[in-house]
Amino acid sequence: MSTPQLVVHRDKELMAQAAAARLITRIVDAQAARGSASVVLTGGRNGNGLLAALSSAPARDAIDWSRLDLWWGDERFLPEGDPERNVTQARAALLDSVPLDPARVHAMPASDGPYGSDVEAAAAAYAAELAAAAGPEDHGAVPSFDVLMLGVGPDTHVASLFPELPAVRETERTVVGVHGAPKPPPVRISLTLPAIRAAREVWLLAAGEDKAKAAAIALSGAGEIQAPAAGAHGRSRTLWLLDAAAASELPRDLYPPASA
């Protein structure tokens, strides 16, 4: 378990640009070291803001997009192409404008896909896809993602792991169906904390005053059942990327001495 590191930016636009630059560097370094890279994307305004910043970044062409695997931390269980699906938003923000290998874009199943409305079967299929991509050097039944990004909700949820709901308590499976999510739509697919913790680096993104209390709770020793963001950490690095508004309620002893 890595100790969280914090970087606080002046505003959400600067946070998105800096996070995009950081991600480009991390992907390029991973590709240089191992030939390919593996990243888990997140939806929401902060995740999509990062992707949009990456799309317009001059250095984006340093990435070999054909050697990048993309996964998702969670997905709204809606029909293919629905504008609320994370993959639909990611395609609009970035993916449709870069030369990715379609076989390496691992979208979670849609509700009108081969598993129909059976979200548990869809989750099991995604778990099987992750397991098939894991190698002997990986830690468990998922690949060792180079970067796994998570947006932090105002209630401290990450992916579709909501406080106190069964999914955040899962200790064996890597992917689960979520029922009764407190924000629409109620049915979702989500990675679990064991899958998240297999990542080399976990980055948690939070911008805006509505995220301030969640960041303070998660970084102040809360339990992961009550505050799922507190349970999200990478094997080698856990990085919180915040804007000043989201950092406004952090205890002063947590506030980083040097921020951009």
Protein backbone atom coordinates (compact mmCIF):
# COMPACT_ATOMS: atom_id res chain seq x y z
CA MET A 1 0.00 0.00 0.00
CA SER A 2 1.42 3.36 -1.04
CA THR A 3 1.03 6.51 1.02
CA PRO A 4 -1.12 9.08 -0.82
CA GLN A 5 0.69 11.97 -2.46
CA LEU A 6 -1.18 15.22 -3.11
CA VAL A 7 -0.82 17.77 -5.88
CA VAL A 8 -3.07 20.83 -5.72
CA HIS A 9 -3.59 23.01 -8.79
CA ARG A 10 -5.02 26.50 -8.98
CA ASP A 11 -8.18 25.52 -10.85
CA LYS A 12 -9.80 22.60 -12.66
CA GLU A 13 -8.52 23.67 -16.10
CA LEU A 14 -4.91 23.72 -14.95
CA MET A 15 -5.47 20.44 -13.11
CA ALA A 16 -6.75 18.79 -16.30
CA GLN A 17 -3.85 20.10 -18.38
CA ALA A 18 -1.23 19.08 -15.84
CA ALA A 19 -2.80 15.64 -15.35
CA ALA A 20 -2.86 15.11 -19.12
CA ALA A 21 0.83 16.02 -19.36
CA ARG A 22 1.60 13.69 -16.47
CA LEU A 23 -0.33 10.86 -18.13
CA ILE A 24 1.48 11.31 -21.44
CA THR A 25 4.81 11.00 -19.64
CA ARG A 26 3.71 7.93 -17.74
CA ILE A 27 2.43 6.16 -20.86
CA VAL A 28 5.56 6.97 -22.87
CA ASP A 29 7.78 5.73 -20.04
CA ALA A 30 5.81 2.48 -19.74
CA GLN A 31 5.96 1.88 -23.47
CA ALA A 32 9.71 2.49 -23.47
CA ALA A 33 10.18 0.06 -20.57
CA ARG A 34 7.82 -2.74 -21.58
CA GLY A 35 6.70 -2.10 -25.15
CA SER A 36 3.11 -1.25 -24.25
CA ALA A 37 1.07 0.54 -21.62
CA SER A 38 -2.22 -0.12 -19.85
CA VAL A 39 -4.50 2.62 -18.53
CA VAL A 40 -7.88 2.54 -16.81
CA LEU A 41 -10.09 5.50 -17.67
CA THR A 42 -12.69 7.20 -15.53
CA GLY A 43 -15.78 9.12 -16.56
CA GLY A 44 -17.38 12.17 -15.02
CA ARG A 45 -16.46 15.79 -15.51
CA ASN A 46 -12.90 15.43 -14.22
CA GLY A 47 -12.11 12.29 -16.20
CA ASN A 48 -13.56 13.74 -19.38
CA GLY A 49 -11.82 17.04 -18.73
CA LEU A 50 -8.49 15.24 -18.59
CA LEU A 51 -9.23 13.40 -21.86
CA ALA A 52 -10.17 16.65 -23.58
CA ALA A 53 -6.94 18.25 -22.34
CA LEU A 54 -5.00 15.24 -23.60
CA SER A 55 -6.67 15.54 -27.00
CA SER A 56 -5.43 19.11 -27.39
CA ALA A 57 -1.98 18.57 -25.87
CA PRO A 58 0.85 19.01 -28.42
CA ALA A 59 2.76 16.13 -26.81
CA ARG A 60 -0.04 13.62 -27.33
CA ASP A 61 1.71 12.32 -30.45
CA ALA A 62 4.60 11.11 -28.28
CA ILE A 63 2.31 8.21 -27.34
CA ASP A 64 2.27 5.14 -29.58
CA TRP A 65 -1.49 4.80 -29.52
CA SER A 66 -1.37 1.40 -31.22
CA ARG A 67 0.45 -0.01 -28.18
CA LEU A 68 -1.94 1.27 -25.54
CA ASP A 69 -4.58 -0.83 -23.77
CA LEU A 70 -7.55 1.09 -22.41
CA TRP A 71 -9.88 -0.26 -19.75
CA TRP A 72 -12.64 1.33 -17.68
CA GLY A 73 -13.11 1.51 -13.93
CA ASP A 74 -16.88 1.46 -14.23
CA GLU A 75 -19.70 1.91 -16.68
CA ARG A 76 -23.34 2.83 -16.71
CA PHE A 77 -25.27 -0.25 -17.83
CA LEU A 78 -27.04 1.42 -20.74
CA PRO A 79 -27.40 0.67 -24.47
CA GLU A 80 -24.39 0.98 -26.77
CA GLY A 81 -23.89 4.58 -27.86
CA ASP A 82 -25.96 6.06 -25.04
CA PRO A 83 -24.59 9.55 -24.34
CA GLU A 84 -24.40 8.77 -20.62
CA ARG A 85 -22.04 5.83 -21.08
CA ASN A 86 -18.45 6.57 -20.08
CA VAL A 87 -17.08 5.01 -23.26
CA THR A 88 -19.35 7.20 -25.42
CA GLN A 89 -18.09 10.32 -23.67
CA ALA A 90 -14.47 9.15 -23.87
CA ARG A 91 -14.78 8.58 -27.61
CA ALA A 92 -16.09 12.11 -28.08
CA ALA A 93 -13.42 13.67 -25.86
CA LEU A 94 -10.37 11.80 -27.21
CA LEU A 95 -10.58 8.25 -28.48
CA ASP A 96 -12.09 8.96 -31.89
CA SER A 97 -9.26 11.39 -32.68
CA VAL A 98 -6.26 9.12 -32.02
CA PRO A 99 -5.08 5.95 -33.85
CA LEU A 100 -5.92 3.34 -31.23
CA ASP A 101 -6.00 -0.38 -31.98
CA PRO A 102 -9.73 -1.22 -31.63
CA ALA A 103 -8.82 -4.62 -30.18
CA ARG A 104 -7.08 -2.87 -27.30
CA VAL A 105 -10.03 -0.66 -26.34
CA HIS A 106 -11.77 -2.75 -23.69
CA ALA A 107 -15.20 -1.18 -23.18
CA MET A 108 -17.50 -2.69 -20.59
CA PRO A 109 -20.58 -4.46 -22.04
CA ALA A 110 -23.70 -2.47 -22.87
CA SER A 111 -27.22 -3.38 -21.78
CA ASP A 112 -28.14 -4.27 -25.37
CA GLY A 113 -25.03 -6.37 -25.88
CA PRO A 114 -24.59 -10.16 -25.86
CA TYR A 115 -25.60 -10.42 -22.17
CA GLY A 116 -28.77 -8.37 -22.55
CA SER A 117 -30.03 -6.96 -19.30
CA ASP A 118 -28.04 -9.47 -17.18
CA VAL A 119 -25.57 -7.12 -15.53
CA GLU A 120 -24.01 -9.94 -13.48
CA ALA A 121 -23.19 -11.89 -16.66
CA ALA A 122 -21.80 -8.72 -18.23
CA ALA A 123 -19.60 -8.10 -15.17
CA ALA A 124 -18.37 -11.71 -15.21
CA ALA A 125 -17.49 -11.38 -18.90
CA TYR A 126 -15.42 -8.26 -18.22
CA ALA A 127 -13.67 -10.04 -15.35
CA ALA A 128 -12.83 -12.87 -17.75
CA GLU A 129 -11.44 -10.38 -20.28
CA LEU A 130 -9.25 -8.85 -17.60
CA ALA A 131 -8.04 -12.27 -16.47
CA ALA A 132 -7.17 -13.23 -20.04
CA ALA A 133 -5.03 -10.08 -20.34
CA ALA A 134 -3.16 -10.72 -17.08
CA GLY A 135 0.25 -12.28 -17.36
CA PRO A 136 2.27 -14.41 -14.93
CA GLU A 137 4.06 -11.28 -13.74
CA ASP A 138 0.79 -9.61 -12.75
CA HIS A 139 -0.68 -9.55 -9.29
CA GLY A 140 -3.82 -11.64 -9.53
CA ALA A 141 -6.57 -11.82 -12.11
CA VAL A 142 -6.13 -8.41 -13.71
CA PRO A 143 -3.24 -6.79 -15.60
CA SER A 144 -0.86 -4.56 -13.66
CA PHE A 145 -2.34 -1.33 -14.97
CA ASP A 146 0.26 1.41 -15.36
CA VAL A 147 -2.24 4.09 -14.34
CA LEU A 148 -5.77 3.64 -13.02
CA MET A 149 -7.72 6.88 -12.80
CA LEU A 150 -10.72 7.46 -10.55
CA GLY A 151 -12.99 10.42 -10.14
CA VAL A 152 -14.02 11.07 -6.54
CA GLY A 153 -17.71 11.71 -5.95
CA PRO A 154 -19.10 14.14 -3.38
CA ASP A 155 -20.12 11.10 -1.31
CA THR A 156 -16.54 9.67 -1.58
CA HIS A 157 -17.53 7.04 -4.15
CA VAL A 158 -15.00 5.91 -6.74
CA ALA A 159 -15.82 3.94 -9.89
CA SER A 160 -19.32 2.68 -8.98
CA LEU A 161 -18.31 1.71 -5.46
CA PHE A 162 -20.70 3.66 -3.23
CA PRO A 163 -20.49 3.94 0.56
CA GLU A 164 -21.96 0.97 2.42
CA LEU A 165 -23.28 -0.79 -0.71
CA PRO A 166 -22.33 -4.45 -1.35
CA ALA A 167 -19.87 -3.71 -4.17
CA VAL A 168 -17.44 -1.85 -1.91
CA ARG A 169 -17.34 -4.86 0.42
CA GLU A 170 -16.32 -7.29 -2.34
CA THR A 171 -12.99 -8.98 -1.59
CA GLU A 172 -12.84 -11.80 -4.17
CA ARG A 173 -14.28 -10.76 -7.53
CA THR A 174 -12.58 -8.15 -9.71
CA VAL A 175 -15.73 -6.87 -11.44
CA VAL A 176 -19.29 -6.73 -10.11
CA GLY A 177 -22.73 -5.66 -11.18
CA VAL A 178 -24.06 -2.77 -9.11
CA HIS A 179 -27.75 -2.43 -8.27
CA GLY A 180 -29.42 0.50 -6.58
CA ALA A 181 -26.68 3.08 -7.16
CA PRO A 182 -27.74 6.31 -5.41
CA LYS A 183 -27.13 8.34 -8.58
CA PRO A 184 -28.70 7.43 -11.92
CA PRO A 185 -28.63 5.08 -13.62
CA PRO A 186 -29.03 2.62 -10.73
CA VAL A 187 -27.52 -0.36 -12.59
CA ARG A 188 -23.80 -0.27 -13.34
CA ILE A 189 -20.67 -2.37 -13.77
CA SER A 190 -17.64 -1.62 -11.61
CA LEU A 191 -14.15 -2.77 -10.83
CA THR A 192 -13.78 -3.70 -7.18
CA LEU A 193 -11.18 -2.53 -4.69
CA PRO A 194 -9.04 -5.68 -5.20
CA ALA A 195 -8.86 -4.93 -8.94
CA ILE A 196 -8.11 -1.25 -8.33
CA ARG A 197 -5.29 -2.11 -5.93
CA ALA A 198 -3.55 -4.23 -8.58
CA ALA A 199 -2.61 -1.05 -10.45
CA ARG A 200 0.93 0.25 -10.30
CA GLU A 201 -0.40 3.78 -9.87
CA VAL A 202 -3.85 4.96 -8.81
CA TRP A 203 -4.72 8.59 -9.51
CA LEU A 204 -7.75 10.14 -7.82
CA LEU A 205 -9.16 13.27 -9.46
CA ALA A 206 -11.22 15.83 -7.60
CA ALA A 207 -12.08 19.38 -8.63
CA GLY A 208 -14.70 21.76 -7.31
CA GLU A 209 -16.07 22.80 -3.95
CA ASP A 210 -18.55 19.91 -3.99
CA LYS A 211 -15.60 17.50 -3.71
CA ALA A 212 -13.88 19.23 -0.78
CA LYS A 213 -15.58 17.34 2.03
CA ALA A 214 -15.11 14.00 0.26
CA ALA A 215 -11.39 14.61 -0.20
CA ALA A 216 -10.99 15.62 3.45
CA ILE A 217 -12.86 12.56 4.68
CA ALA A 218 -11.02 10.09 2.45
CA LEU A 219 -7.59 11.50 3.32
CA SER A 220 -8.20 11.71 7.06
CA GLY A 221 -8.27 8.04 7.92
CA ALA A 222 -11.87 7.09 7.09
CA GLY A 223 -12.70 3.44 6.49
CA GLU A 224 -13.18 2.25 2.92
CA ILE A 225 -16.70 0.90 3.51
CA GLN A 226 -17.88 4.36 4.60
CA ALA A 227 -15.56 6.24 2.21
CA PRO A 228 -14.59 4.08 -0.79
CA ALA A 229 -12.02 6.63 -2.00
CA ALA A 230 -10.02 5.89 1.14
CA GLY A 231 -9.56 2.30 -0.03
CA ALA A 232 -8.25 3.16 -3.50
CA HIS A 233 -4.47 2.92 -3.64
CA GLY A 234 -1.81 1.76 -6.05
CA ARG A 235 0.97 -0.73 -5.48
CA SER A 236 3.74 1.81 -6.10
CA ARG A 237 1.95 5.16 -6.04
CA THR A 238 -1.32 6.74 -4.97
CA LEU A 239 -1.73 10.26 -6.32
CA TRP A 240 -4.49 12.71 -5.48
CA LEU A 241 -4.83 15.42 -8.13
CA LEU A 242 -6.94 18.29 -6.78
CA ASP A 243 -7.82 21.85 -7.57
CA ALA A 244 -7.73 24.47 -4.84
CA ALA A 245 -11.49 24.29 -4.28
CA ALA A 246 -11.44 20.52 -3.73
CA ALA A 247 -8.47 20.89 -1.38
CA SER A 248 -10.06 23.67 0.65
CA GLU A 249 -11.13 21.48 3.58
CA LEU A 250 -7.98 19.38 3.86
CA PRO A 251 -6.24 19.45 7.25
CA ARG A 252 -3.17 21.66 6.98
CA ASP A 253 -0.85 18.78 7.83
CA LEU A 254 -2.02 17.02 4.65
CA TYR A 255 -1.70 20.00 2.36
CA PRO A 256 1.34 19.54 0.11
CA PRO A 257 4.18 22.02 0.68
CA ALA A 258 4.63 22.60 -3.06
CA SER A 259 1.73 22.64 -5.48
CA ALA A 260 1.27 23.87 -9.03
